[in-house]
C-alpha atoms as a PDB file:
ATOM      1  CA  UNK A   1     -32.234  37.438   1.819  1.00  0.00           C
ATOM      2  CA  UNK A   2     -34.503  35.407   4.171  1.00  0.00           C
ATOM      3  CA  UNK A   3     -34.242  31.793   3.985  1.00  0.00           C
ATOM      4  CA  UNK A   4     -36.888  29.836   3.596  1.00  0.00           C
ATOM      5  CA  UNK A   5     -37.680  26.080   5.284  1.00  0.00           C
ATOM      6  CA  UNK A   6     -37.355  24.282   1.443  1.00  0.00           C
ATOM      7  CA  UNK A   7     -33.553  26.589   1.327  1.00  0.00           C
ATOM      8  CA  UNK A   8     -32.292  25.283   4.913  1.00  0.00           C
ATOM      9  CA  UNK A   9     -33.692  21.718   4.116  1.00  0.00           C
ATOM     10  CA  UNK A  10     -31.548  21.758   0.995  1.00  0.00           C
ATOM     11  CA  UNK A  11     -28.470  23.376   2.631  1.00  0.00           C
ATOM     12  CA  UNK A  12     -28.326  20.008   4.755  1.00  0.00           C
ATOM     13  CA  UNK A  13     -28.905  18.082   2.531  1.00  0.00           C
ATOM     14  CA  UNK A  14     -26.297  19.559   0.268  1.00  0.00           C
ATOM     15  CA  UNK A  15     -23.873  19.541   3.346  1.00  0.00           C
ATOM     16  CA  UNK A  16     -24.777  15.949   4.267  1.00  0.00           C
ATOM     17  CA  UNK A  17     -24.050  14.462   0.882  1.00  0.00           C
ATOM     18  CA  UNK A  18     -20.773  16.576   1.103  1.00  0.00           C
ATOM     19  CA  UNK A  19     -19.463  15.321   4.039  1.00  0.00           C
ATOM     20  CA  UNK A  20     -20.611  11.511   3.212  1.00  0.00           C
ATOM     21  CA  UNK A  21     -18.333  12.023   0.406  1.00  0.00           C
ATOM     22  CA  UNK A  22     -15.827  13.586   1.514  1.00  0.00           C
ATOM     23  CA  UNK A  23     -15.495  10.407   4.605  1.00  0.00           C
ATOM     24  CA  UNK A  24     -15.897   8.266   1.681  1.00  0.00           C
ATOM     25  CA  UNK A  25     -12.756   9.434  -0.074  1.00  0.00           C
ATOM     26  CA  UNK A  26     -10.720   9.680   2.966  1.00  0.00           C
ATOM     27  CA  UNK A  27     -11.522   5.366   3.555  1.00  0.00           C
ATOM     28  CA  UNK A  28     -10.430   5.306   0.003  1.00  0.00           C
ATOM     29  CA  UNK A  29      -7.116   6.815   0.648  1.00  0.00           C
ATOM     30  CA  UNK A  30      -6.278   4.819   3.562  1.00  0.00           C
ATOM     31  CA  UNK A  31      -6.982   1.654   1.561  1.00  0.00           C
ATOM     32  CA  UNK A  32      -4.271   2.954  -1.200  1.00  0.00           C
ATOM     33  CA  UNK A  33      -2.087   3.798   1.427  1.00  0.00           C
ATOM     34  CA  UNK A  34      -2.435   0.265   2.759  1.00  0.00           C
ATOM     35  CA  UNK A  35      -2.205  -1.813  -0.053  1.00  0.00           C
ATOM     36  CA  UNK A  36       0.798   0.067  -1.121  1.00  0.00           C
ATOM     37  CA  UNK A  37       2.205  -0.193   1.932  1.00  0.00           C
ATOM     38  CA  UNK A  38       1.508  -4.081   1.952  1.00  0.00           C
ATOM     39  CA  UNK A  39       2.919  -4.317  -1.590  1.00  0.00           C
ATOM     40  CA  UNK A  40       6.192  -2.623  -1.059  1.00  0.00           C
ATOM     41  CA  UNK A  41       6.497  -4.751   2.598  1.00  0.00           C
ATOM     42  CA  UNK A  42       6.205  -7.927  -0.246  1.00  0.00           C
ATOM     43  CA  UNK A  43       8.602  -6.812  -2.666  1.00  0.00           C
ATOM     44  CA  UNK A  44      11.248  -6.282   0.214  1.00  0.00           C
ATOM     45  CA  UNK A  45      10.880  -9.880   1.268  1.00  0.00           C
ATOM     46  CA  UNK A  46      11.315 -11.800  -2.253  1.00  0.00           C
ATOM     47  CA  UNK A  47      14.344  -8.753  -2.264  1.00  0.00           C
ATOM     48  CA  UNK A  48      15.546 -10.765   1.265  1.00  0.00           C
ATOM     49  CA  UNK A  49      14.802 -14.451  -0.420  1.00  0.00           C
ATOM     50  CA  UNK A  50      16.782 -13.693  -3.248  1.00  0.00           C
ATOM     51  CA  UNK A  51      19.974 -12.169  -1.986  1.00  0.00           C
ATOM     52  CA  UNK A  52      19.557 -15.455   0.558  1.00  0.00           C
ATOM     53  CA  UNK A  53      19.713 -17.394  -2.171  1.00  0.00           C
ATOM     54  CA  UNK A  54      22.510 -15.644  -4.239  1.00  0.00           C
ATOM     55  CA  UNK A  55      24.356 -15.546  -0.966  1.00  0.00           C
ATOM     56  CA  UNK A  56      24.173 -19.772  -0.918  1.00  0.00           C
ATOM     57  CA  UNK A  57      24.957 -20.023  -4.556  1.00  0.00           C
ATOM     58  CA  UNK A  58      28.138 -18.219  -3.690  1.00  0.00           C
ATOM     59  CA  UNK A  59      28.975 -20.370  -1.106  1.00  0.00           C
ATOM     60  CA  UNK A  60      28.452 -23.135  -3.275  1.00  0.00           C
ATOM     61  CA  UNK A  61      30.473 -21.976  -6.264  1.00  0.00           C
ATOM     62  CA  UNK A  62      33.220 -21.656  -3.878  1.00  0.00           C
ATOM     63  CA  UNK A  63      32.944 -25.477  -2.631  1.00  0.00           C
ATOM     64  CA  UNK A  64      32.859 -26.511  -5.887  1.00  0.00           C
ATOM     65  CA  UNK A  65      35.931 -24.439  -7.082  1.00  0.00           C
ATOM     66  CA  UNK A  66      37.809 -26.094  -3.719  1.00  0.00           C
ATOM     67  CA  UNK A  67      36.722 -29.750  -4.454  1.00  0.00           C
ATOM     68  CA  UNK A  68      38.050 -28.808  -8.290  1.00  0.00           C
ATOM     69  CA  UNK A  69      41.351 -27.598  -6.740  1.00  0.00           C
ATOM     70  CA  UNK A  70      41.883 -30.829  -5.110  1.00  0.00           C
END
């Protein structure tokens, strides 16, 4: 079975479209990874801030208890 010029052009067009779609999918996957990483870092920062606030409140409670005992 021999390939005519039209068949080769169709094959090349199909391969170019396939390559482009793979490229777009790879970019989308990287963007999704970046967004997930960024949101997890933001959550870590919020957790750290809340932890610091809790520590400060514990210190204030201890001071108030000492003041109340005196």
